[in-house]
Amino acid sequence: MSKRAVTEYPINDAMANRWSPRSFDPTAVLTSADLGPAFEAARWAPSANNLQPWQFIVGYRGDETFAKIVNDLSGFNAGWAPDASALVVTVANTHTASGRDNAYARYDLGQSVAHFTIQATADGHMTHQMGGFDIDALTIALGVTEPWEIVSLIAVGALGDPNKLPEDRRDAETGPRERKPLTEVVR
């Protein structure tokens, strides 16, 4: 299923083809080698003062890390995200080496995640970024300590059957992608 964006100007194919499905193929398998290029792209994202304040904790379906992440999913995410081949926890270091607050840590992590997502899409993987999880429980389960903090999750895998989703979610899964027009975004 293609949900290529209808754009006002031509954009990179991976950007135009990227979207966030909730239907993943529960039989598809990804390995660290499969995601290596996406993590390499994330590594080379722009970073304020080149601090690179990001880390990724990866769980592959069937391993202990994946189970910990699944255990702390909440709401609707708990129903579809376990079908992904991998779940990636995004983590930001909110301090500099001298201990000062890094006001740009989450921004830089976001850029890194965007690079990851675009490369993963270019490599034929589907991604869905999410925030529906128990951040406190997951922080403890994964042993994340200050100055690091969990920010979001990314489900990665192969597209699955949207008919497996609850009826009220299928339209969003199969319908066209929508965005505000440029005139509302660029002033």
C-alpha atoms as a PDB file:
ATOM      1  CA  MET A   1       0.000   0.000   0.000  1.00  0.00           C
ATOM      2  CA  SER A   2       1.396   3.372  -0.985  1.00  0.00           C
ATOM      3  CA  LYS A   3       0.463   6.578   0.769  1.00  0.00           C
ATOM      4  CA  ARG A   4       2.778   8.917  -1.094  1.00  0.00           C
ATOM      5  CA  ALA A   5       2.336  12.510   0.010  1.00  0.00           C
ATOM      6  CA  VAL A   6       0.784  14.946  -2.411  1.00  0.00           C
ATOM      7  CA  THR A   7       3.206  17.856  -2.233  1.00  0.00           C
ATOM      8  CA  GLU A   8       3.206  21.407  -3.540  1.00  0.00           C
ATOM      9  CA  TYR A   9       6.880  21.043  -4.516  1.00  0.00           C
ATOM     10  CA  PRO A  10       8.900  17.947  -5.356  1.00  0.00           C
ATOM     11  CA  ILE A  11      10.604  16.358  -2.342  1.00  0.00           C
ATOM     12  CA  ASN A  12      12.911  13.407  -1.729  1.00  0.00           C
ATOM     13  CA  ASP A  13      11.161  10.073  -2.437  1.00  0.00           C
ATOM     14  CA  ALA A  14      11.796   8.697   1.057  1.00  0.00           C
ATOM     15  CA  MET A  15      10.177  11.788   2.579  1.00  0.00           C
ATOM     16  CA  ALA A  16       7.201  11.610   0.231  1.00  0.00           C
ATOM     17  CA  ASN A  17       6.698   7.898   0.906  1.00  0.00           C
ATOM     18  CA  ARG A  18       7.168   8.036   4.694  1.00  0.00           C
ATOM     19  CA  TRP A  19       4.072   7.594   6.777  1.00  0.00           C
ATOM     20  CA  SER A  20       3.269   6.118  10.186  1.00  0.00           C
ATOM     21  CA  PRO A  21       1.330   2.865   9.924  1.00  0.00           C
ATOM     22  CA  ARG A  22      -0.135   1.037  12.872  1.00  0.00           C
ATOM     23  CA  SER A  23      -0.449  -2.234  11.013  1.00  0.00           C
ATOM     24  CA  PHE A  24       2.797  -4.198  11.070  1.00  0.00           C
ATOM     25  CA  ASP A  25       3.481  -7.711   9.803  1.00  0.00           C
ATOM     26  CA  PRO A  26       3.995  -9.847  12.932  1.00  0.00           C
ATOM     27  CA  THR A  27       5.999 -12.425  10.937  1.00  0.00           C
ATOM     28  CA  ALA A  28       8.567 -10.026   9.467  1.00  0.00           C
ATOM     29  CA  VAL A  29      12.039 -10.123  10.992  1.00  0.00           C
ATOM     30  CA  LEU A  30      14.609  -7.324  11.240  1.00  0.00           C
ATOM     31  CA  THR A  31      18.182  -7.631  12.451  1.00  0.00           C
ATOM     32  CA  SER A  32      20.736  -5.108  13.651  1.00  0.00           C
ATOM     33  CA  ALA A  33      22.293  -5.302  10.172  1.00  0.00           C
ATOM     34  CA  ASP A  34      18.940  -4.354   8.609  1.00  0.00           C
ATOM     35  CA  LEU A  35      18.691  -1.249  10.787  1.00  0.00           C
ATOM     36  CA  GLY A  36      22.398  -0.396  10.637  1.00  0.00           C
ATOM     37  CA  PRO A  37      22.002   2.146   7.811  1.00  0.00           C
ATOM     38  CA  ALA A  38      19.164   3.920   9.663  1.00  0.00           C
ATOM     39  CA  PHE A  39      21.247   4.173  12.838  1.00  0.00           C
ATOM     40  CA  GLU A  40      24.200   5.380  10.764  1.00  0.00           C
ATOM     41  CA  ALA A  41      21.995   8.123   9.305  1.00  0.00           C
ATOM     42  CA  ALA A  42      20.877   9.026  12.845  1.00  0.00           C
ATOM     43  CA  ARG A  43      24.499   9.219  13.943  1.00  0.00           C
ATOM     44  CA  TRP A  44      25.232  11.858  11.300  1.00  0.00           C
ATOM     45  CA  ALA A  45      22.317  14.174  12.144  1.00  0.00           C
ATOM     46  CA  PRO A  46      23.118  17.823  12.902  1.00  0.00           C
ATOM     47  CA  SER A  47      23.887  18.504  16.552  1.00  0.00           C
ATOM     48  CA  ALA A  48      24.328  21.715  18.528  1.00  0.00           C
ATOM     49  CA  ASN A  49      28.013  22.008  19.474  1.00  0.00           C
ATOM     50  CA  ASN A  50      28.398  18.481  18.073  1.00  0.00           C
ATOM     51  CA  LEU A  51      27.311  17.057  21.455  1.00  0.00           C
ATOM     52  CA  GLN A  52      25.281  14.284  19.785  1.00  0.00           C
ATOM     53  CA  PRO A  53      23.087  13.896  22.884  1.00  0.00           C
ATOM     54  CA  TRP A  54      21.206  10.826  21.697  1.00  0.00           C
ATOM     55  CA  GLN A  55      21.153   7.108  22.242  1.00  0.00           C
ATOM     56  CA  PHE A  56      18.854   4.366  21.079  1.00  0.00           C
ATOM     57  CA  ILE A  57      17.849   1.269  23.013  1.00  0.00           C
ATOM     58  CA  VAL A  58      16.652  -1.382  20.580  1.00  0.00           C
ATOM     59  CA  GLY A  59      14.431  -4.354  21.220  1.00  0.00           C
ATOM     60  CA  TYR A  60      13.906  -6.948  18.481  1.00  0.00           C
ATOM     61  CA  ARG A  61      10.727  -9.037  18.619  1.00  0.00           C
ATOM     62  CA  GLY A  62      11.416 -12.015  20.844  1.00  0.00           C
ATOM     63  CA  ASP A  63      14.230 -10.530  22.931  1.00  0.00           C
ATOM     64  CA  GLU A  64      14.163  -9.308  26.535  1.00  0.00           C
ATOM     65  CA  THR A  65      14.414  -5.600  25.662  1.00  0.00           C
ATOM     66  CA  PHE A  66      11.453  -5.853  23.281  1.00  0.00           C
ATOM     67  CA  ALA A  67       9.390  -7.553  26.017  1.00  0.00           C
ATOM     68  CA  LYS A  68      10.241  -4.773  28.500  1.00  0.00           C
ATOM     69  CA  ILE A  69       9.167  -2.108  26.028  1.00  0.00           C
ATOM     70  CA  VAL A  70       5.940  -3.942  25.132  1.00  0.00           C
ATOM     71  CA  ASN A  71       5.149  -4.335  28.834  1.00  0.00           C
ATOM     72  CA  ASP A  72       5.140  -0.562  29.273  1.00  0.00           C
ATOM     73  CA  LEU A  73       3.102   0.391  26.182  1.00  0.00           C
ATOM     74  CA  SER A  74      -0.203   2.057  26.959  1.00  0.00           C
ATOM     75  CA  GLY A  75      -3.585   2.525  25.346  1.00  0.00           C
ATOM     76  CA  PHE A  76      -4.063   1.685  21.704  1.00  0.00           C
ATOM     77  CA  ASN A  77      -0.289   1.349  21.181  1.00  0.00           C
ATOM     78  CA  ALA A  78      -0.313  -1.823  23.288  1.00  0.00           C
ATOM     79  CA  GLY A  79      -2.552  -3.425  20.674  1.00  0.00           C
ATOM     80  CA  TRP A  80      -0.601  -2.809  17.475  1.00  0.00           C
ATOM     81  CA  ALA A  81       3.046  -1.996  18.353  1.00  0.00           C
ATOM     82  CA  PRO A  82       3.975  -5.555  19.472  1.00  0.00           C
ATOM     83  CA  ASP A  83       3.544  -6.624  15.821  1.00  0.00           C
ATOM     84  CA  ALA A  84       6.524  -4.460  14.805  1.00  0.00           C
ATOM     85  CA  SER A  85       9.831  -6.216  14.178  1.00  0.00           C
ATOM     86  CA  ALA A  86      11.728  -3.799  16.419  1.00  0.00           C
ATOM     87  CA  LEU A  87      10.913  -1.187  19.027  1.00  0.00           C
ATOM     88  CA  VAL A  88      13.417   1.620  19.469  1.00  0.00           C
ATOM     89  CA  VAL A  89      13.558   3.756  22.599  1.00  0.00           C
ATOM     90  CA  THR A  90      14.939   7.247  21.949  1.00  0.00           C
ATOM     91  CA  VAL A  91      17.008   8.734  24.758  1.00  0.00           C
ATOM     92  CA  ALA A  92      18.427  12.234  25.195  1.00  0.00           C
ATOM     93  CA  ASN A  93      21.287  13.431  27.389  1.00  0.00           C
ATOM     94  CA  THR A  94      19.887  16.656  28.802  1.00  0.00           C
ATOM     95  CA  HIS A  95      23.227  17.922  30.179  1.00  0.00           C
ATOM     96  CA  THR A  96      26.569  18.920  28.728  1.00  0.00           C
ATOM     97  CA  ALA A  97      29.832  17.292  29.811  1.00  0.00           C
ATOM     98  CA  SER A  98      30.261  20.126  32.330  1.00  0.00           C
ATOM     99  CA  GLY A  99      26.837  19.377  33.843  1.00  0.00           C
ATOM    100  CA  ARG A 100      25.005  22.382  32.405  1.00  0.00           C
ATOM    101  CA  ASP A 101      21.512  21.965  30.965  1.00  0.00           C
ATOM    102  CA  ASN A 102      21.545  21.194  27.243  1.00  0.00           C
ATOM    103  CA  ALA A 103      18.547  23.160  25.986  1.00  0.00           C
ATOM    104  CA  TYR A 104      18.897  21.591  22.532  1.00  0.00           C
ATOM    105  CA  ALA A 105      19.134  17.921  23.539  1.00  0.00           C
ATOM    106  CA  ARG A 106      15.573  16.975  22.638  1.00  0.00           C
ATOM    107  CA  TYR A 107      15.728  19.014  19.427  1.00  0.00           C
ATOM    108  CA  ASP A 108      18.940  17.263  18.399  1.00  0.00           C
ATOM    109  CA  LEU A 109      17.451  13.870  19.275  1.00  0.00           C
ATOM    110  CA  GLY A 110      14.462  14.766  17.096  1.00  0.00           C
ATOM    111  CA  GLN A 111      16.748  15.494  14.166  1.00  0.00           C
ATOM    112  CA  SER A 112      18.514  12.203  14.728  1.00  0.00           C
ATOM    113  CA  VAL A 113      15.182  10.364  14.805  1.00  0.00           C
ATOM    114  CA  ALA A 114      14.114  12.122  11.601  1.00  0.00           C
ATOM    115  CA  HIS A 115      17.307  10.975   9.879  1.00  0.00           C
ATOM    116  CA  PHE A 116      16.709   7.441  11.168  1.00  0.00           C
ATOM    117  CA  THR A 117      13.133   7.490   9.885  1.00  0.00           C
ATOM    118  CA  ILE A 118      14.004   8.745   6.410  1.00  0.00           C
ATOM    119  CA  GLN A 119      16.824   6.223   5.961  1.00  0.00           C
ATOM    120  CA  ALA A 120      14.636   3.393   7.257  1.00  0.00           C
ATOM    121  CA  THR A 121      11.948   4.410   4.754  1.00  0.00           C
ATOM    122  CA  ALA A 122      14.501   4.551   1.937  1.00  0.00           C
ATOM    123  CA  ASP A 123      15.540   1.011   2.923  1.00  0.00           C
ATOM    124  CA  GLY A 124      11.949  -0.234   2.687  1.00  0.00           C
ATOM    125  CA  HIS A 125      11.097  -0.307   6.407  1.00  0.00           C
ATOM    126  CA  MET A 126       8.007   1.269   7.920  1.00  0.00           C
ATOM    127  CA  THR A 127       8.307   3.388  11.066  1.00  0.00           C
ATOM    128  CA  HIS A 128       5.866   4.845  13.546  1.00  0.00           C
ATOM    129  CA  GLN A 129       7.014   7.275  16.223  1.00  0.00           C
ATOM    130  CA  MET A 130       4.943   7.269  19.389  1.00  0.00           C
ATOM    131  CA  GLY A 131       4.596   8.552  22.888  1.00  0.00           C
ATOM    132  CA  GLY A 132       1.967   6.193  24.327  1.00  0.00           C
ATOM    133  CA  PHE A 133       3.938   4.391  27.038  1.00  0.00           C
ATOM    134  CA  ASP A 134       4.614   4.515  30.761  1.00  0.00           C
ATOM    135  CA  ILE A 135       7.798   6.587  30.756  1.00  0.00           C
ATOM    136  CA  ASP A 136       8.541   6.089  34.455  1.00  0.00           C
ATOM    137  CA  ALA A 137       8.159   2.306  34.324  1.00  0.00           C
ATOM    138  CA  LEU A 138      10.179   2.025  31.111  1.00  0.00           C
ATOM    139  CA  THR A 139      12.947   4.217  32.527  1.00  0.00           C
ATOM    140  CA  ILE A 140      13.283   1.822  35.459  1.00  0.00           C
ATOM    141  CA  ALA A 141      12.920  -1.324  33.320  1.00  0.00           C
ATOM    142  CA  LEU A 142      15.699  -0.238  30.964  1.00  0.00           C
ATOM    143  CA  GLY A 143      17.950   1.247  33.652  1.00  0.00           C
ATOM    144  CA  VAL A 144      18.043   4.733  32.133  1.00  0.00           C
ATOM    145  CA  THR A 145      19.555   7.192  34.603  1.00  0.00           C
ATOM    146  CA  GLU A 146      20.167  10.952  34.692  1.00  0.00           C
ATOM    147  CA  PRO A 147      21.266  12.902  32.810  1.00  0.00           C
ATOM    148  CA  TRP A 148      19.696  10.608  30.212  1.00  0.00           C
ATOM    149  CA  GLU A 149      15.934  10.570  29.698  1.00  0.00           C
ATOM    150  CA  ILE A 150      13.587   8.603  27.482  1.00  0.00           C
ATOM    151  CA  VAL A 151      11.753  10.818  25.003  1.00  0.00           C
ATOM    152  CA  SER A 152       9.822   8.596  22.583  1.00  0.00           C
ATOM    153  CA  LEU A 153       9.525   5.193  20.915  1.00  0.00           C
ATOM    154  CA  ILE A 154       9.765   4.101  17.289  1.00  0.00           C
ATOM    155  CA  ALA A 155       8.106   0.954  15.951  1.00  0.00           C
ATOM    156  CA  VAL A 156       9.927  -0.447  12.907  1.00  0.00           C
ATOM    157  CA  GLY A 157       8.929  -3.274  10.603  1.00  0.00           C
ATOM    158  CA  ALA A 158       7.112  -4.351   7.487  1.00  0.00           C
ATOM    159  CA  LEU A 159       3.641  -3.138   6.633  1.00  0.00           C
ATOM    160  CA  GLY A 160       0.892  -5.451   7.852  1.00  0.00           C
ATOM    161  CA  ASP A 161      -2.783  -5.994   7.131  1.00  0.00           C
ATOM    162  CA  PRO A 162      -4.788  -2.895   8.100  1.00  0.00           C
ATOM    163  CA  ASN A 163      -7.898  -5.060   8.454  1.00  0.00           C
ATOM    164  CA  LYS A 164      -6.419  -6.396  11.711  1.00  0.00           C
ATOM    165  CA  LEU A 165      -6.862  -2.952  13.264  1.00  0.00           C
ATOM    166  CA  PRO A 166     -10.064  -1.940  15.046  1.00  0.00           C
ATOM    167  CA  GLU A 167     -12.638  -0.618  12.608  1.00  0.00           C
ATOM    168  CA  ASP A 168     -12.374   2.963  13.883  1.00  0.00           C
ATOM    169  CA  ARG A 169      -8.629   2.996  13.049  1.00  0.00           C
ATOM    170  CA  ARG A 170      -8.747   1.464   9.561  1.00  0.00           C
ATOM    171  CA  ASP A 171      -9.818   4.649   7.792  1.00  0.00           C
ATOM    172  CA  ALA A 172      -6.796   6.533   9.101  1.00  0.00           C
ATOM    173  CA  GLU A 173      -4.573   3.618   8.094  1.00  0.00           C
ATOM    174  CA  THR A 174      -5.855   3.359   4.525  1.00  0.00           C
ATOM    175  CA  GLY A 175      -6.967   6.935   3.869  1.00  0.00           C
ATOM    176  CA  PRO A 176      -4.901   9.702   2.282  1.00  0.00           C
ATOM    177  CA  ARG A 177      -2.234  11.525   4.237  1.00  0.00           C
ATOM    178  CA  GLU A 178      -3.081  15.088   5.129  1.00  0.00           C
ATOM    179  CA  ARG A 179      -1.033  18.087   6.142  1.00  0.00           C
ATOM    180  CA  LYS A 180      -1.683  21.790   6.585  1.00  0.00           C
ATOM    181  CA  PRO A 181      -0.972  23.792   3.418  1.00  0.00           C
ATOM    182  CA  LEU A 182       2.363  25.590   3.199  1.00  0.00           C
ATOM    183  CA  THR A 183       0.559  28.922   3.547  1.00  0.00           C
ATOM    184  CA  GLU A 184      -0.308  27.944   7.153  1.00  0.00           C
ATOM    185  CA  VAL A 185       3.187  26.708   7.935  1.00  0.00           C
ATOM    186  CA  VAL A 186       5.495  29.257   6.297  1.00  0.00           C
ATOM    187  CA  ARG A 187       4.947  32.914   7.188  1.00  0.00           C
END
